[in-house]
Each structure stands twice: as structure tokens, then as C-alpha cells.
Amino acid sequence: MIKLSINGNSYSYEGEPGGIYQNYSAHMADVRRLDDGSIKVHKIWIVADHGRVINPLNFKRQIHSSIYFAISMMRSGKVTMKNGQIEQSNFHDYPVSLIGEGAENVEIKLIDSDAHPMGCGEKMQAGIQPAIANAIEKLTNKEVNGIPVEGLA
């Protein structure tokens, strides 16, 4: 089990391994209120044990990509329906976060083990989004119960 000193930051824990393709990771987020009142993800910490790491650089790139995807969904992840059809069709009406709109700082610790190698891909969002939501709740004293999150820069 991973033990982290969170120093007031919020965290999310994905779970303990239970089978050959199980993995676990811990996620923490620090958010700050900007001068205009919006909220910016300042820092994300991730510790991941996804088995034997074949290519650490690419594994970390997958995690960075998951962070951007998670923040994009939290900022503008609204999908609407009209006449039984989804209205959003592409990036012009469903924006994604750009490079400068991600977390200002990211710290990733990979735990390389003898377990079967696994990628991380989108499954990292399962902990990133709740960690960000927990940090926003702590900052604003308001419950985050859906996306998009109002005021997330």
C-alpha cells in the first residue's frame, strides 16, 4: 500500500491489486484561486504501480495525457442531446485543454514491480478527477457533483 504525506492536499486512491491485470495508483491535486476568481489546477502528484514499466518516459507521457483529458472533461465536458442526437460533433463545439491549460506542475512516481506490465491510458482519470474535485471542494467549501465544473480555468 502507498502511504503519502498529503499536507492538506486532497487525494484519491484507486485500489489494491487483486489479479493479474490489477493496478493501483494514488492521486493528489492542489488547486489555487486566480485573481479573476477562477480555479486553476496548480499541481498534480501521481504514484502509480502498473506492473513492470517497459518504457518509463512513454508511461509518464500517457499519464500527462490523462491529466489533460481529465481537466478537459472537468472544464468543458458537457454533452447535450437534441432530438435524440448528441449536439457536439468535434473540437469546434467540444473543446479540449491546450498545453497551457493543464496543471502547472506534475510530479509522477512510477513503482516498477515484477507484476505483469500494464499501460495506464485513460484509466488514470478515475483518480485524477476525484482528486481535483476534492481539492476544489476543500478550497471553495462547495460540493463538486458533476461536470463541467463551473469556474475551472
Protein backbone atom coordinates (compact mmCIF):
# COMPACT_ATOMS: atom_id res chain seq x y z
CA MET A 1 0.00 0.00 0.00
CA ILE A 2 1.23 3.50 -0.80
CA LYS A 3 1.44 5.99 2.05
CA LEU A 4 1.67 9.66 1.16
CA SER A 5 2.02 12.75 3.27
CA ILE A 6 -0.72 14.94 1.87
CA ASN A 7 -0.10 18.15 3.83
CA GLY A 8 -3.66 19.39 3.37
CA ASN A 9 -3.94 18.35 -0.28
CA SER A 10 -6.76 16.09 -1.40
CA TYR A 11 -6.11 12.64 -2.76
CA SER A 12 -7.82 9.72 -4.44
CA TYR A 13 -6.82 6.08 -4.16
CA GLU A 14 -7.69 3.67 -6.97
CA GLY A 15 -7.45 0.38 -5.07
CA GLU A 16 -5.24 -2.56 -4.22
CA PRO A 17 -4.21 -5.08 -6.85
CA GLY A 18 -6.36 -8.19 -6.87
CA GLY A 19 -5.48 -10.03 -10.07
CA ILE A 20 -3.01 -10.28 -12.91
CA TYR A 21 -4.22 -7.09 -14.63
CA GLN A 22 -4.94 -5.11 -11.49
CA ASN A 23 -3.04 -1.95 -10.72
CA TYR A 24 -3.11 0.77 -8.16
CA SER A 25 -2.28 4.42 -8.04
CA ALA A 26 -2.68 7.42 -5.78
CA HIS A 27 -3.51 10.91 -6.99
CA MET A 28 -3.32 14.28 -5.25
CA ALA A 29 -4.21 17.72 -6.53
CA ASP A 30 -3.51 21.26 -5.41
CA VAL A 31 -5.77 23.96 -6.83
CA ARG A 32 -5.47 27.74 -6.48
CA ARG A 33 -7.93 30.59 -6.92
CA LEU A 34 -6.77 33.11 -9.53
CA ASP A 35 -7.25 36.89 -9.32
CA ASP A 36 -10.29 36.68 -11.63
CA GLY A 37 -11.96 34.18 -9.25
CA SER A 38 -11.46 31.13 -11.44
CA ILE A 39 -9.77 27.99 -10.13
CA LYS A 40 -6.54 26.64 -11.64
CA VAL A 41 -5.04 23.20 -11.12
CA HIS A 42 -1.65 24.12 -9.71
CA LYS A 43 -0.07 20.72 -9.12
CA ILE A 44 -0.86 17.04 -9.56
CA TRP A 45 1.02 14.25 -7.79
CA ILE A 46 0.65 10.68 -9.02
CA VAL A 47 2.20 7.48 -7.72
CA ALA A 48 1.49 4.51 -9.96
CA ASP A 49 2.18 0.79 -9.71
CA HIS A 50 1.08 -0.71 -13.00
CA GLY A 51 3.44 -3.66 -13.02
CA ARG A 52 6.75 -3.80 -14.82
CA VAL A 53 7.41 -0.50 -16.60
CA ILE A 54 8.87 -1.17 -20.05
CA ASN A 55 9.26 2.46 -21.16
CA PRO A 56 9.06 4.93 -18.25
CA LEU A 57 9.15 8.04 -20.47
CA ASN A 58 6.19 6.92 -22.58
CA PHE A 59 4.34 5.73 -19.48
CA LYS A 60 4.69 9.21 -17.97
CA ARG A 61 3.52 10.72 -21.26
CA GLN A 62 0.37 8.59 -21.03
CA ILE A 63 -0.20 9.94 -17.53
CA HIS A 64 0.29 13.54 -18.70
CA SER A 65 -2.22 12.90 -21.49
CA SER A 66 -4.71 11.52 -18.95
CA ILE A 67 -4.28 14.67 -16.86
CA TYR A 68 -5.14 16.89 -19.84
CA PHE A 69 -8.09 14.72 -20.76
CA ALA A 70 -9.34 14.75 -17.15
CA ILE A 71 -9.04 18.54 -16.89
CA SER A 72 -10.70 18.98 -20.30
CA MET A 73 -13.68 16.92 -19.20
CA MET A 74 -13.92 18.84 -15.94
CA ARG A 75 -13.70 22.22 -17.69
CA SER A 76 -15.92 21.70 -20.70
CA GLY A 77 -17.19 18.14 -20.63
CA LYS A 78 -20.81 18.95 -21.22
CA VAL A 79 -22.55 16.74 -23.77
CA THR A 80 -26.06 17.78 -24.81
CA MET A 81 -28.78 15.97 -26.75
CA LYS A 82 -31.31 17.37 -29.18
CA ASN A 83 -33.90 15.24 -30.99
CA GLY A 84 -32.14 12.07 -29.85
CA GLN A 85 -28.75 13.16 -31.24
CA ILE A 86 -25.64 14.37 -29.47
CA GLU A 87 -25.12 18.02 -30.45
CA GLN A 88 -21.34 18.13 -30.11
CA SER A 89 -19.57 16.80 -33.19
CA ASN A 90 -15.88 17.76 -32.97
CA PHE A 91 -13.36 20.05 -31.31
CA HIS A 92 -15.09 23.24 -32.53
CA ASP A 93 -18.02 22.61 -30.16
CA TYR A 94 -16.40 20.27 -27.61
CA PRO A 95 -13.14 21.99 -26.63
CA VAL A 96 -10.19 20.18 -25.10
CA SER A 97 -7.50 21.70 -22.90
CA LEU A 98 -4.46 23.08 -24.65
CA ILE A 99 -0.88 22.73 -23.37
CA GLY A 100 -1.02 25.93 -21.29
CA GLU A 101 -4.34 24.97 -19.73
CA GLY A 102 -3.17 21.85 -17.90
CA ALA A 103 -1.74 21.55 -14.42
CA GLU A 104 1.12 23.97 -13.82
CA ASN A 105 3.24 21.25 -12.15
CA VAL A 106 3.09 17.49 -12.35
CA GLU A 107 5.07 15.06 -10.24
CA ILE A 108 4.93 11.38 -11.19
CA LYS A 109 6.47 8.49 -9.28
CA LEU A 110 6.41 5.11 -11.01
CA ILE A 111 6.78 1.99 -8.91
CA ASP A 112 8.43 -0.64 -11.09
CA SER A 113 7.48 -4.10 -9.90
CA ASP A 114 7.70 -7.68 -11.13
CA ALA A 115 3.97 -7.79 -11.88
CA HIS A 116 2.67 -8.19 -15.42
CA PRO A 117 3.29 -4.95 -17.40
CA MET A 118 0.22 -2.78 -17.93
CA GLY A 119 -0.34 0.56 -19.58
CA CYS A 120 -2.22 3.36 -17.92
CA GLY A 121 -4.11 5.27 -20.63
CA GLU A 122 -7.49 6.71 -19.72
CA LYS A 123 -7.90 4.70 -16.53
CA MET A 124 -5.75 7.25 -14.68
CA GLN A 125 -8.67 9.68 -14.91
CA ALA A 126 -10.51 7.53 -12.39
CA GLY A 127 -8.29 9.04 -9.69
CA ILE A 128 -7.24 12.36 -11.22
CA GLN A 129 -10.75 13.81 -11.49
CA PRO A 130 -11.81 12.96 -7.92
CA ALA A 131 -8.51 14.34 -6.59
CA ILE A 132 -9.12 17.63 -8.41
CA ALA A 133 -12.76 17.69 -7.27
CA ASN A 134 -11.71 17.05 -3.65
CA ALA A 135 -9.19 19.89 -3.82
CA ILE A 136 -11.81 22.24 -5.30
CA GLU A 137 -14.26 21.29 -2.54
CA LYS A 138 -11.63 21.99 0.08
CA LEU A 139 -10.81 25.38 -1.47
CA THR A 140 -14.40 26.53 -2.05
CA ASN A 141 -16.34 24.65 0.66
CA LYS A 142 -18.80 23.72 -2.12
CA GLU A 143 -19.55 20.18 -3.26
CA VAL A 144 -18.45 19.21 -6.76
CA ASN A 145 -21.04 16.73 -8.00
CA GLY A 146 -20.78 16.79 -11.77
CA ILE A 147 -19.02 18.10 -14.85
CA PRO A 148 -18.31 20.58 -16.18
CA VAL A 149 -17.03 22.26 -13.02
CA GLU A 150 -18.01 25.91 -13.01
CA GLY A 151 -15.08 28.33 -12.76
CA LEU A 152 -12.30 25.85 -13.55
CA ALA A 153 -9.64 27.66 -15.56
